PDB file of N, CA and C in Angstrom:
ATOM      1  N   UNK A   1     -33.205 -23.381 -53.277  1.00  0.00           N
ATOM      2  CA  UNK A   1     -32.890 -22.279 -54.604  1.00  0.00           C
ATOM      3  C   UNK A   1     -33.961 -22.656 -55.148  1.00  0.00           C
ATOM      4  N   UNK A   2     -33.256 -23.987 -55.699  1.00  0.00           N
ATOM      5  CA  UNK A   2     -34.148 -24.592 -57.157  1.00  0.00           C
ATOM      6  C   UNK A   2     -35.431 -24.106 -57.115  1.00  0.00           C
ATOM      7  N   UNK A   3     -36.604 -24.105 -55.612  1.00  0.00           N
ATOM      8  CA  UNK A   3     -37.638 -23.813 -56.198  1.00  0.00           C
ATOM      9  C   UNK A   3     -37.754 -22.460 -56.427  1.00  0.00           C
ATOM     10  N   UNK A   4     -37.443 -21.427 -56.013  1.00  0.00           N
ATOM     11  CA  UNK A   4     -37.374 -20.127 -55.876  1.00  0.00           C
ATOM     12  C   UNK A   4     -36.962 -20.122 -57.480  1.00  0.00           C
ATOM     13  N   UNK A   5     -35.871 -20.322 -58.811  1.00  0.00           N
ATOM     14  CA  UNK A   5     -35.704 -20.792 -59.562  1.00  0.00           C
ATOM     15  C   UNK A   5     -37.113 -21.446 -60.515  1.00  0.00           C
ATOM     16  N   UNK A   6     -37.436 -22.705 -60.285  1.00  0.00           N
ATOM     17  CA  UNK A   6     -38.608 -22.973 -60.955  1.00  0.00           C
ATOM     18  C   UNK A   6     -40.051 -22.308 -61.093  1.00  0.00           C
ATOM     19  N   UNK A   7     -39.528 -21.337 -59.076  1.00  0.00           N
ATOM     20  CA  UNK A   7     -41.346 -20.888 -59.675  1.00  0.00           C
ATOM     21  C   UNK A   7     -41.534 -19.522 -60.143  1.00  0.00           C
ATOM     22  N   UNK A   8     -40.084 -18.706 -60.559  1.00  0.00           N
ATOM     23  CA  UNK A   8     -40.268 -18.209 -61.406  1.00  0.00           C
ATOM     24  C   UNK A   8     -40.485 -18.228 -62.743  1.00  0.00           C
ATOM     25  N   UNK A   9     -39.730 -19.493 -62.724  1.00  0.00           N
ATOM     26  CA  UNK A   9     -40.046 -19.905 -64.631  1.00  0.00           C
ATOM     27  C   UNK A   9     -41.146 -20.242 -64.635  1.00  0.00           C
ATOM     28  N   UNK A  10     -41.494 -20.878 -63.859  1.00  0.00           N
ATOM     29  CA  UNK A  10     -43.328 -21.152 -63.743  1.00  0.00           C
ATOM     30  C   UNK A  10     -44.286 -19.892 -64.161  1.00  0.00           C
ATOM     31  N   UNK A  11     -43.793 -19.055 -63.487  1.00  0.00           N
ATOM     32  CA  UNK A  11     -44.484 -17.538 -63.262  1.00  0.00           C
ATOM     33  C   UNK A  11     -44.333 -17.137 -64.876  1.00  0.00           C
ATOM     34  N   UNK A  12     -43.583 -17.150 -65.364  1.00  0.00           N
ATOM     35  CA  UNK A  12     -43.245 -16.224 -66.519  1.00  0.00           C
ATOM     36  C   UNK A  12     -43.729 -17.268 -68.301  1.00  0.00           C
ATOM     37  N   UNK A  13     -44.139 -18.610 -67.905  1.00  0.00           N
ATOM     38  CA  UNK A  13     -45.134 -19.669 -68.107  1.00  0.00           C
ATOM     39  C   UNK A  13     -45.984 -19.008 -68.327  1.00  0.00           C
ATOM     40  N   UNK A  14     -47.478 -18.793 -67.238  1.00  0.00           N
ATOM     41  CA  UNK A  14     -48.070 -18.399 -67.086  1.00  0.00           C
ATOM     42  C   UNK A  14     -48.451 -17.314 -66.624  1.00  0.00           C
ATOM     43  N   UNK A  15     -48.215 -16.559 -66.646  1.00  0.00           N
ATOM     44  CA  UNK A  15     -48.066 -14.517 -67.179  1.00  0.00           C
ATOM     45  C   UNK A  15     -48.279 -14.400 -65.357  1.00  0.00           C
ATOM     46  N   UNK A  16     -48.120 -13.105 -65.195  1.00  0.00           N
ATOM     47  CA  UNK A  16     -47.386 -12.288 -63.821  1.00  0.00           C
ATOM     48  C   UNK A  16     -49.230 -12.749 -63.017  1.00  0.00           C
ATOM     49  N   UNK A  17     -50.365 -12.506 -63.600  1.00  0.00           N
ATOM     50  CA  UNK A  17     -51.781 -13.020 -62.515  1.00  0.00           C
ATOM     51  C   UNK A  17     -51.131 -13.711 -61.587  1.00  0.00           C
ATOM     52  N   UNK A  18     -50.574 -14.730 -62.080  1.00  0.00           N
ATOM     53  CA  UNK A  18     -50.172 -16.124 -60.907  1.00  0.00           C
ATOM     54  C   UNK A  18     -48.880 -15.847 -60.216  1.00  0.00           C
ATOM     55  N   UNK A  19     -48.473 -14.661 -60.522  1.00  0.00           N
ATOM     56  CA  UNK A  19     -47.077 -14.335 -59.271  1.00  0.00           C
ATOM     57  C   UNK A  19     -47.508 -14.214 -57.719  1.00  0.00           C
ATOM     58  N   UNK A  20     -48.752 -13.757 -57.459  1.00  0.00           N
ATOM     59  CA  UNK A  20     -48.787 -13.462 -56.099  1.00  0.00           C
ATOM     60  C   UNK A  20     -49.351 -14.869 -55.219  1.00  0.00           C
ATOM     61  N   UNK A  21     -50.168 -15.766 -55.800  1.00  0.00           N
ATOM     62  CA  UNK A  21     -50.046 -16.552 -55.649  1.00  0.00           C
ATOM     63  C   UNK A  21     -49.188 -17.877 -55.071  1.00  0.00           C
ATOM     64  N   UNK A  22     -48.415 -17.934 -56.307  1.00  0.00           N
ATOM     65  CA  UNK A  22     -47.194 -19.187 -56.347  1.00  0.00           C
ATOM     66  C   UNK A  22     -46.196 -18.608 -55.434  1.00  0.00           C
ATOM     67  N   UNK A  23     -45.794 -16.903 -55.443  1.00  0.00           N
ATOM     68  CA  UNK A  23     -45.005 -16.351 -54.033  1.00  0.00           C
ATOM     69  C   UNK A  23     -45.126 -16.655 -52.908  1.00  0.00           C
ATOM     70  N   UNK A  24     -46.485 -17.054 -52.867  1.00  0.00           N
ATOM     71  CA  UNK A  24     -47.012 -17.258 -51.357  1.00  0.00           C
ATOM     72  C   UNK A  24     -46.802 -19.178 -51.006  1.00  0.00           C
ATOM     73  N   UNK A  25     -46.875 -19.451 -52.169  1.00  0.00           N
ATOM     74  CA  UNK A  25     -47.017 -20.768 -51.379  1.00  0.00           C
ATOM     75  C   UNK A  25     -45.203 -20.914 -51.837  1.00  0.00           C
ATOM     76  N   UNK A  26     -44.469 -20.643 -52.314  1.00  0.00           N
ATOM     77  CA  UNK A  26     -43.085 -19.982 -52.213  1.00  0.00           C
ATOM     78  C   UNK A  26     -43.127 -20.198 -50.774  1.00  0.00           C
ATOM     79  N   UNK A  27     -42.919 -18.317 -50.698  1.00  0.00           N
ATOM     80  CA  UNK A  27     -42.832 -19.035 -49.006  1.00  0.00           C
ATOM     81  C   UNK A  27     -43.110 -19.617 -48.089  1.00  0.00           C
ATOM     82  N   UNK A  28     -44.630 -20.324 -48.092  1.00  0.00           N
ATOM     83  CA  UNK A  28     -45.199 -21.217 -47.026  1.00  0.00           C
ATOM     84  C   UNK A  28     -44.495 -22.041 -46.761  1.00  0.00           C
ATOM     85  N   UNK A  29     -44.060 -23.026 -48.546  1.00  0.00           N
ATOM     86  CA  UNK A  29     -43.368 -24.413 -48.634  1.00  0.00           C
ATOM     87  C   UNK A  29     -41.531 -23.779 -47.736  1.00  0.00           C
ATOM     88  N   UNK A  30     -41.100 -22.602 -48.014  1.00  0.00           N
ATOM     89  CA  UNK A  30     -39.573 -22.007 -47.276  1.00  0.00           C
ATOM     90  C   UNK A  30     -39.329 -22.030 -45.802  1.00  0.00           C
ATOM     91  N   UNK A  31     -41.139 -22.009 -45.743  1.00  0.00           N
ATOM     92  CA  UNK A  31     -40.771 -21.774 -43.617  1.00  0.00           C
ATOM     93  C   UNK A  31     -41.429 -22.912 -43.343  1.00  0.00           C
ATOM     94  N   UNK A  32     -41.779 -23.747 -44.159  1.00  0.00           N
ATOM     95  CA  UNK A  32     -42.031 -24.740 -43.262  1.00  0.00           C
ATOM     96  C   UNK A  32     -41.210 -26.490 -43.894  1.00  0.00           C
ATOM     97  N   UNK A  33     -40.727 -26.031 -44.325  1.00  0.00           N
ATOM     98  CA  UNK A  33     -39.928 -27.249 -45.443  1.00  0.00           C
ATOM     99  C   UNK A  33     -38.860 -27.462 -44.662  1.00  0.00           C
ATOM    100  N   UNK A  34     -38.452 -28.568 -44.084  1.00  0.00           N
ATOM    101  CA  UNK A  34     -37.930 -29.265 -43.425  1.00  0.00           C
ATOM    102  C   UNK A  34     -36.884 -30.282 -44.515  1.00  0.00           C
ATOM    103  N   UNK A  35     -36.531 -31.154 -45.107  1.00  0.00           N
ATOM    104  CA  UNK A  35     -36.068 -31.867 -45.859  1.00  0.00           C
ATOM    105  C   UNK A  35     -34.589 -31.248 -45.971  1.00  0.00           C
ATOM    106  N   UNK A  36     -34.583 -30.500 -46.796  1.00  0.00           N
ATOM    107  CA  UNK A  36     -33.471 -29.210 -47.157  1.00  0.00           C
ATOM    108  C   UNK A  36     -32.441 -29.961 -46.477  1.00  0.00           C
ATOM    109  N   UNK A  37     -32.510 -29.743 -45.304  1.00  0.00           N
ATOM    110  CA  UNK A  37     -31.219 -29.450 -43.729  1.00  0.00           C
ATOM    111  C   UNK A  37     -30.633 -30.955 -43.934  1.00  0.00           C
ATOM    112  N   UNK A  38     -31.291 -31.557 -44.656  1.00  0.00           N
ATOM    113  CA  UNK A  38     -30.855 -33.748 -44.102  1.00  0.00           C
ATOM    114  C   UNK A  38     -29.886 -33.678 -45.286  1.00  0.00           C
ATOM    115  N   UNK A  39     -30.122 -33.054 -46.397  1.00  0.00           N
ATOM    116  CA  UNK A  39     -28.782 -32.590 -47.482  1.00  0.00           C
ATOM    117  C   UNK A  39     -27.418 -32.865 -46.998  1.00  0.00           C
ATOM    118  N   UNK A  40     -26.432 -33.720 -47.254  1.00  0.00           N
ATOM    119  CA  UNK A  40     -25.646 -32.560 -46.897  1.00  0.00           C
ATOM    120  C   UNK A  40     -24.612 -31.464 -46.885  1.00  0.00           C
ATOM    121  N   UNK A  41     -24.915 -31.292 -48.402  1.00  0.00           N
ATOM    122  CA  UNK A  41     -24.932 -29.942 -48.152  1.00  0.00           C
ATOM    123  C   UNK A  41     -25.960 -28.671 -47.412  1.00  0.00           C
ATOM    124  N   UNK A  42     -26.571 -29.109 -46.785  1.00  0.00           N
ATOM    125  CA  UNK A  42     -27.368 -27.693 -45.867  1.00  0.00           C
ATOM    126  C   UNK A  42     -27.320 -28.309 -44.609  1.00  0.00           C
ATOM    127  N   UNK A  43     -26.966 -28.968 -44.588  1.00  0.00           N
ATOM    128  CA  UNK A  43     -26.120 -29.518 -42.616  1.00  0.00           C
ATOM    129  C   UNK A  43     -26.166 -28.600 -41.958  1.00  0.00           C
ATOM    130  N   UNK A  44     -24.936 -27.411 -41.783  1.00  0.00           N
ATOM    131  CA  UNK A  44     -25.196 -25.808 -41.875  1.00  0.00           C
ATOM    132  C   UNK A  44     -26.383 -24.996 -42.241  1.00  0.00           C
ATOM    133  N   UNK A  45     -27.249 -25.403 -42.662  1.00  0.00           N
ATOM    134  CA  UNK A  45     -27.951 -24.249 -42.349  1.00  0.00           C
ATOM    135  C   UNK A  45     -28.968 -23.794 -41.361  1.00  0.00           C
ATOM    136  N   UNK A  46     -29.290 -24.304 -40.704  1.00  0.00           N
ATOM    137  CA  UNK A  46     -29.874 -24.041 -39.196  1.00  0.00           C
ATOM    138  C   UNK A  46     -28.906 -22.894 -38.458  1.00  0.00           C
ATOM    139  N   UNK A  47     -27.789 -23.649 -38.269  1.00  0.00           N
ATOM    140  CA  UNK A  47     -26.895 -22.343 -38.206  1.00  0.00           C
ATOM    141  C   UNK A  47     -26.549 -21.523 -38.688  1.00  0.00           C
ATOM    142  N   UNK A  48     -26.553 -21.117 -39.919  1.00  0.00           N
ATOM    143  CA  UNK A  48     -26.507 -20.405 -40.354  1.00  0.00           C
ATOM    144  C   UNK A  48     -27.959 -19.203 -40.146  1.00  0.00           C
ATOM    145  N   UNK A  49     -28.869 -20.114 -40.282  1.00  0.00           N
ATOM    146  CA  UNK A  49     -30.005 -19.488 -40.021  1.00  0.00           C
ATOM    147  C   UNK A  49     -30.064 -18.341 -38.410  1.00  0.00           C
ATOM    148  N   UNK A  50     -29.446 -18.962 -37.568  1.00  0.00           N
ATOM    149  CA  UNK A  50     -29.575 -18.916 -36.257  1.00  0.00           C
ATOM    150  C   UNK A  50     -28.461 -17.004 -36.325  1.00  0.00           C
ATOM    151  N   UNK A  51     -27.835 -16.927 -37.492  1.00  0.00           N
ATOM    152  CA  UNK A  51     -26.906 -15.686 -37.517  1.00  0.00           C
ATOM    153  C   UNK A  51     -27.094 -15.120 -38.451  1.00  0.00           C
ATOM    154  N   UNK A  52     -28.831 -15.094 -38.244  1.00  0.00           N
ATOM    155  CA  UNK A  52     -29.217 -14.561 -39.515  1.00  0.00           C
ATOM    156  C   UNK A  52     -29.942 -12.743 -38.952  1.00  0.00           C
ATOM    157  N   UNK A  53     -29.120 -11.949 -39.572  1.00  0.00           N
ATOM    158  CA  UNK A  53     -29.790 -10.511 -38.954  1.00  0.00           C
ATOM    159  C   UNK A  53     -29.026 -10.538 -38.304  1.00  0.00           C
ATOM    160  N   UNK A  54     -28.085 -11.141 -37.296  1.00  0.00           N
ATOM    161  CA  UNK A  54     -26.994 -10.266 -36.260  1.00  0.00           C
ATOM    162  C   UNK A  54     -26.264  -9.468 -37.044  1.00  0.00           C
ATOM    163  N   UNK A  55     -25.103  -8.950 -35.839  1.00  0.00           N
ATOM    164  CA  UNK A  55     -24.559  -7.504 -35.970  1.00  0.00           C
ATOM    165  C   UNK A  55     -24.009  -7.881 -37.609  1.00  0.00           C
ATOM    166  N   UNK A  56     -23.420  -7.439 -38.670  1.00  0.00           N
ATOM    167  CA  UNK A  56     -22.270  -7.136 -39.670  1.00  0.00           C
ATOM    168  C   UNK A  56     -21.049  -7.900 -39.420  1.00  0.00           C
ATOM    169  N   UNK A  57     -21.557  -9.061 -40.511  1.00  0.00           N
ATOM    170  CA  UNK A  57     -20.071  -9.546 -40.540  1.00  0.00           C
ATOM    171  C   UNK A  57     -19.620  -9.191 -41.317  1.00  0.00           C
ATOM    172  N   UNK A  58     -17.913  -9.756 -41.486  1.00  0.00           N
ATOM    173  CA  UNK A  58     -17.397  -9.555 -42.972  1.00  0.00           C
ATOM    174  C   UNK A  58     -17.936 -10.212 -44.489  1.00  0.00           C
ATOM    175  N   UNK A  59     -18.177  -9.634 -44.863  1.00  0.00           N
ATOM    176  CA  UNK A  59     -19.045 -10.044 -45.888  1.00  0.00           C
ATOM    177  C   UNK A  59     -18.733  -9.822 -47.929  1.00  0.00           C
ATOM    178  N   UNK A  60     -19.398 -10.510 -48.368  1.00  0.00           N
ATOM    179  CA  UNK A  60     -19.196 -10.027 -49.878  1.00  0.00           C
ATOM    180  C   UNK A  60     -20.269  -9.400 -49.984  1.00  0.00           C
ATOM    181  N   UNK A  61     -19.872  -7.943 -51.527  1.00  0.00           N
ATOM    182  CA  UNK A  61     -21.091  -7.105 -51.530  1.00  0.00           C
ATOM    183  C   UNK A  61     -22.546  -7.941 -52.142  1.00  0.00           C
ATOM    184  N   UNK A  62     -23.477  -7.204 -52.329  1.00  0.00           N
ATOM    185  CA  UNK A  62     -24.776  -7.640 -52.562  1.00  0.00           C
ATOM    186  C   UNK A  62     -24.403  -7.637 -53.970  1.00  0.00           C
ATOM    187  N   UNK A  63     -24.492  -8.814 -54.821  1.00  0.00           N
ATOM    188  CA  UNK A  63     -24.120  -8.826 -56.253  1.00  0.00           C
ATOM    189  C   UNK A  63     -24.445 -10.821 -56.004  1.00  0.00           C
ATOM    190  N   UNK A  64     -24.600 -10.904 -57.019  1.00  0.00           N
ATOM    191  CA  UNK A  64     -24.710 -12.124 -57.530  1.00  0.00           C
ATOM    192  C   UNK A  64     -23.367 -12.991 -57.798  1.00  0.00           C
ATOM    193  N   UNK A  65     -22.945 -12.047 -58.814  1.00  0.00           N
ATOM    194  CA  UNK A  65     -21.576 -12.108 -58.757  1.00  0.00           C
ATOM    195  C   UNK A  65     -20.567 -12.771 -57.918  1.00  0.00           C
ATOM    196  N   UNK A  66     -20.846 -12.398 -56.838  1.00  0.00           N
ATOM    197  CA  UNK A  66     -20.051 -12.904 -55.340  1.00  0.00           C
ATOM    198  C   UNK A  66     -20.154 -14.205 -55.312  1.00  0.00           C
ATOM    199  N   UNK A  67     -21.402 -14.731 -55.471  1.00  0.00           N
ATOM    200  CA  UNK A  67     -21.405 -15.659 -55.282  1.00  0.00           C
ATOM    201  C   UNK A  67     -20.719 -17.015 -55.873  1.00  0.00           C
ATOM    202  N   UNK A  68     -20.332 -16.909 -56.950  1.00  0.00           N
ATOM    203  CA  UNK A  68     -19.769 -18.152 -58.757  1.00  0.00           C
ATOM    204  C   UNK A  68     -18.427 -18.511 -57.626  1.00  0.00           C
ATOM    205  N   UNK A  69     -18.989 -19.579 -57.678  1.00  0.00           N
ATOM    206  CA  UNK A  69     -18.300 -21.042 -57.461  1.00  0.00           C
ATOM    207  C   UNK A  69     -18.179 -21.435 -56.411  1.00  0.00           C
ATOM    208  N   UNK A  70     -18.702 -20.893 -55.373  1.00  0.00           N
ATOM    209  CA  UNK A  70     -18.846 -20.766 -54.010  1.00  0.00           C
ATOM    210  C   UNK A  70     -19.101 -21.987 -53.649  1.00  0.00           C
ATOM    211  N   UNK A  71     -19.362 -22.843 -52.510  1.00  0.00           N
ATOM    212  CA  UNK A  71     -19.951 -23.692 -52.044  1.00  0.00           C
ATOM    213  C   UNK A  71     -20.890 -23.691 -51.409  1.00  0.00           C
ATOM    214  N   UNK A  72     -22.006 -24.917 -51.511  1.00  0.00           N
ATOM    215  CA  UNK A  72     -23.646 -23.960 -50.985  1.00  0.00           C
ATOM    216  C   UNK A  72     -23.422 -23.661 -49.413  1.00  0.00           C
ATOM    217  N   UNK A  73     -22.299 -24.481 -48.042  1.00  0.00           N
ATOM    218  CA  UNK A  73     -21.878 -24.476 -47.385  1.00  0.00           C
ATOM    219  C   UNK A  73     -21.684 -22.607 -46.977  1.00  0.00           C
ATOM    220  N   UNK A  74     -20.499 -22.616 -48.250  1.00  0.00           N
ATOM    221  CA  UNK A  74     -20.273 -20.764 -48.098  1.00  0.00           C
ATOM    222  C   UNK A  74     -20.968 -19.842 -48.580  1.00  0.00           C
ATOM    223  N   UNK A  75     -22.113 -20.575 -49.454  1.00  0.00           N
ATOM    224  CA  UNK A  75     -22.966 -19.307 -50.050  1.00  0.00           C
ATOM    225  C   UNK A  75     -23.841 -19.313 -49.032  1.00  0.00           C
ATOM    226  N   UNK A  76     -24.319 -20.522 -48.022  1.00  0.00           N
ATOM    227  CA  UNK A  76     -24.913 -20.106 -47.026  1.00  0.00           C
ATOM    228  C   UNK A  76     -24.999 -18.689 -46.413  1.00  0.00           C
ATOM    229  N   UNK A  77     -23.152 -18.907 -45.773  1.00  0.00           N
ATOM    230  CA  UNK A  77     -22.495 -18.010 -45.160  1.00  0.00           C
ATOM    231  C   UNK A  77     -22.815 -17.019 -44.955  1.00  0.00           C
ATOM    232  N   UNK A  78     -22.192 -16.905 -46.524  1.00  0.00           N
ATOM    233  CA  UNK A  78     -22.558 -15.539 -47.281  1.00  0.00           C
ATOM    234  C   UNK A  78     -23.714 -14.521 -47.014  1.00  0.00           C
ATOM    235  N   UNK A  79     -24.914 -15.569 -47.185  1.00  0.00           N
ATOM    236  CA  UNK A  79     -25.907 -15.166 -47.649  1.00  0.00           C
ATOM    237  C   UNK A  79     -26.595 -14.054 -46.014  1.00  0.00           C
ATOM    238  N   UNK A  80     -26.295 -15.345 -45.063  1.00  0.00           N
ATOM    239  CA  UNK A  80     -26.995 -15.078 -43.558  1.00  0.00           C
ATOM    240  C   UNK A  80     -25.811 -13.883 -43.402  1.00  0.00           C
ATOM    241  N   UNK A  81     -24.495 -13.463 -43.834  1.00  0.00           N
ATOM    242  CA  UNK A  81     -24.445 -12.565 -43.390  1.00  0.00           C
ATOM    243  C   UNK A  81     -25.030 -11.064 -43.754  1.00  0.00           C
ATOM    244  N   UNK A  82     -25.218 -11.190 -45.521  1.00  0.00           N
ATOM    245  CA  UNK A  82     -25.659 -10.312 -46.153  1.00  0.00           C
ATOM    246  C   UNK A  82     -26.915  -9.274 -45.382  1.00  0.00           C
ATOM    247  N   UNK A  83     -27.960 -10.409 -44.548  1.00  0.00           N
ATOM    248  CA  UNK A  83     -28.754 -10.279 -43.770  1.00  0.00           C
ATOM    249  C   UNK A  83     -28.664  -9.216 -42.033  1.00  0.00           C
ATOM    250  N   UNK A  84     -26.881  -9.414 -41.810  1.00  0.00           N
ATOM    251  CA  UNK A  84     -26.918  -8.100 -41.187  1.00  0.00           C
ATOM    252  C   UNK A  84     -26.779  -7.090 -42.194  1.00  0.00           C
ATOM    253  N   UNK A  85     -26.553  -7.050 -42.674  1.00  0.00           N
ATOM    254  CA  UNK A  85     -26.615  -5.543 -43.792  1.00  0.00           C
ATOM    255  C   UNK A  85     -27.687  -4.593 -44.600  1.00  0.00           C
ATOM    256  N   UNK A  86     -28.269  -5.799 -44.824  1.00  0.00           N
ATOM    257  CA  UNK A  86     -29.147  -5.548 -46.469  1.00  0.00           C
ATOM    258  C   UNK A  86     -30.777  -5.777 -46.159  1.00  0.00           C
ATOM    259  N   UNK A  87     -31.979  -5.265 -46.568  1.00  0.00           N
ATOM    260  CA  UNK A  87     -32.933  -5.774 -46.061  1.00  0.00           C
ATOM    261  C   UNK A  87     -33.259  -7.061 -46.492  1.00  0.00           C
ATOM    262  N   UNK A  88     -34.484  -8.024 -46.264  1.00  0.00           N
ATOM    263  CA  UNK A  88     -34.324  -9.176 -46.892  1.00  0.00           C
ATOM    264  C   UNK A  88     -35.088  -9.279 -48.533  1.00  0.00           C
ATOM    265  N   UNK A  89     -35.408  -8.320 -48.711  1.00  0.00           N
ATOM    266  CA  UNK A  89     -36.261  -8.212 -49.863  1.00  0.00           C
ATOM    267  C   UNK A  89     -34.988  -7.846 -50.793  1.00  0.00           C
ATOM    268  N   UNK A  90     -34.146  -6.540 -50.522  1.00  0.00           N
ATOM    269  CA  UNK A  90     -32.797  -6.518 -51.175  1.00  0.00           C
ATOM    270  C   UNK A  90     -32.035  -8.575 -52.047  1.00  0.00           C
ATOM    271  N   UNK A  91     -31.939  -8.450 -50.737  1.00  0.00           N
ATOM    272  CA  UNK A  91     -31.258  -9.821 -50.852  1.00  0.00           C
ATOM    273  C   UNK A  91     -32.471 -11.366 -51.696  1.00  0.00           C
ATOM    274  N   UNK A  92     -33.620 -10.853 -51.737  1.00  0.00           N
ATOM    275  CA  UNK A  92     -34.182 -11.725 -52.684  1.00  0.00           C
ATOM    276  C   UNK A  92     -34.124 -11.300 -53.800  1.00  0.00           C
ATOM    277  N   UNK A  93     -33.949 -10.507 -53.902  1.00  0.00           N
ATOM    278  CA  UNK A  93     -34.122  -9.512 -55.362  1.00  0.00           C
ATOM    279  C   UNK A  93     -32.624  -9.876 -56.224  1.00  0.00           C
ATOM    280  N   UNK A  94     -31.210  -9.571 -55.340  1.00  0.00           N
ATOM    281  CA  UNK A  94     -29.765 -10.315 -55.798  1.00  0.00           C
ATOM    282  C   UNK A  94     -30.106 -12.209 -56.613  1.00  0.00           C
ATOM    283  N   UNK A  95     -30.876 -12.702 -55.509  1.00  0.00           N
ATOM    284  CA  UNK A  95     -31.277 -14.077 -55.769  1.00  0.00           C
ATOM    285  C   UNK A  95     -31.787 -14.349 -56.392  1.00  0.00           C
ATOM    286  N   UNK A  96     -32.776 -13.994 -57.032  1.00  0.00           N
ATOM    287  CA  UNK A  96     -33.640 -14.060 -58.256  1.00  0.00           C
ATOM    288  C   UNK A  96     -32.715 -13.715 -58.722  1.00  0.00           C
ATOM    289  N   UNK A  97     -31.700 -13.060 -59.056  1.00  0.00           N
ATOM    290  CA  UNK A  97     -30.713 -12.622 -60.489  1.00  0.00           C
ATOM    291  C   UNK A  97     -29.619 -13.925 -60.571  1.00  0.00           C
ATOM    292  N   UNK A  98     -29.575 -14.912 -59.909  1.00  0.00           N
ATOM    293  CA  UNK A  98     -28.217 -15.846 -59.426  1.00  0.00           C
ATOM    294  C   UNK A  98     -28.607 -16.453 -60.977  1.00  0.00           C
ATOM    295  N   UNK A  99     -27.789 -16.776 -62.021  1.00  0.00           N
ATOM    296  CA  UNK A  99     -27.631 -18.232 -63.170  1.00  0.00           C
ATOM    297  C   UNK A  99     -27.579 -18.745 -62.709  1.00  0.00           C
ATOM    298  N   UNK A 100     -28.021 -20.258 -63.346  1.00  0.00           N
ATOM    299  CA  UNK A 100     -28.342 -21.511 -62.709  1.00  0.00           C
ATOM    300  C   UNK A 100     -26.889 -21.973 -62.762  1.00  0.00           C
ATOM    301  N   UNK A 101     -26.459 -22.567 -61.794  1.00  0.00           N
ATOM    302  CA  UNK A 101     -25.370 -23.163 -61.314  1.00  0.00           C
ATOM    303  C   UNK A 101     -24.374 -22.246 -60.681  1.00  0.00           C
ATOM    304  N   UNK A 102     -24.684 -20.800 -60.583  1.00  0.00           N
ATOM    305  CA  UNK A 102     -23.645 -19.993 -60.052  1.00  0.00           C
ATOM    306  C   UNK A 102     -23.322 -20.259 -58.561  1.00  0.00           C
ATOM    307  N   UNK A 103     -23.751 -21.448 -57.592  1.00  0.00           N
ATOM    308  CA  UNK A 103     -23.080 -21.516 -56.466  1.00  0.00           C
ATOM    309  C   UNK A 103     -23.038 -22.850 -56.026  1.00  0.00           C
ATOM    310  N   UNK A 104     -23.052 -23.413 -57.924  1.00  0.00           N
ATOM    311  CA  UNK A 104     -22.854 -24.266 -57.121  1.00  0.00           C
ATOM    312  C   UNK A 104     -21.042 -25.324 -57.523  1.00  0.00           C
ATOM    313  N   UNK A 105     -20.166 -25.899 -56.751  1.00  0.00           N
ATOM    314  CA  UNK A 105     -19.182 -26.071 -57.509  1.00  0.00           C
ATOM    315  C   UNK A 105     -19.070 -27.284 -58.318  1.00  0.00           C
TER     316      UNK A 105
END
C-alpha cells in the first residue's frame, strides 16, 4: 500500500506522462516482491491471496471508508473477499482513494 501511495504522489509531482511507466514498474514490483510477507502484519498475506477471486464471501462494501480502523490482517481479508465480487480495476481504484493511515490501528 505504501508503494501505491508513493507512486501516485510521484506521478502527481512529475506529471501524467510518467504515469504509465511508473505504474508498470509498480505492478512488476508487487508481483515479484517477497519481503513484505516477512513482516508480522503480513504473515497471512499468502493465505489471503490464495482466497482471492474465490466465490463471494461476506465482505464490507467496496468503499475505502469500510476499511477505516481495520488492522492489516483484517484489511487483507476484506480486500481478498472483494476479489470474489468486484473486478480488480474497481478494487484498485477504491484502494487508491484510501486516506493515509486509514487501515492502520
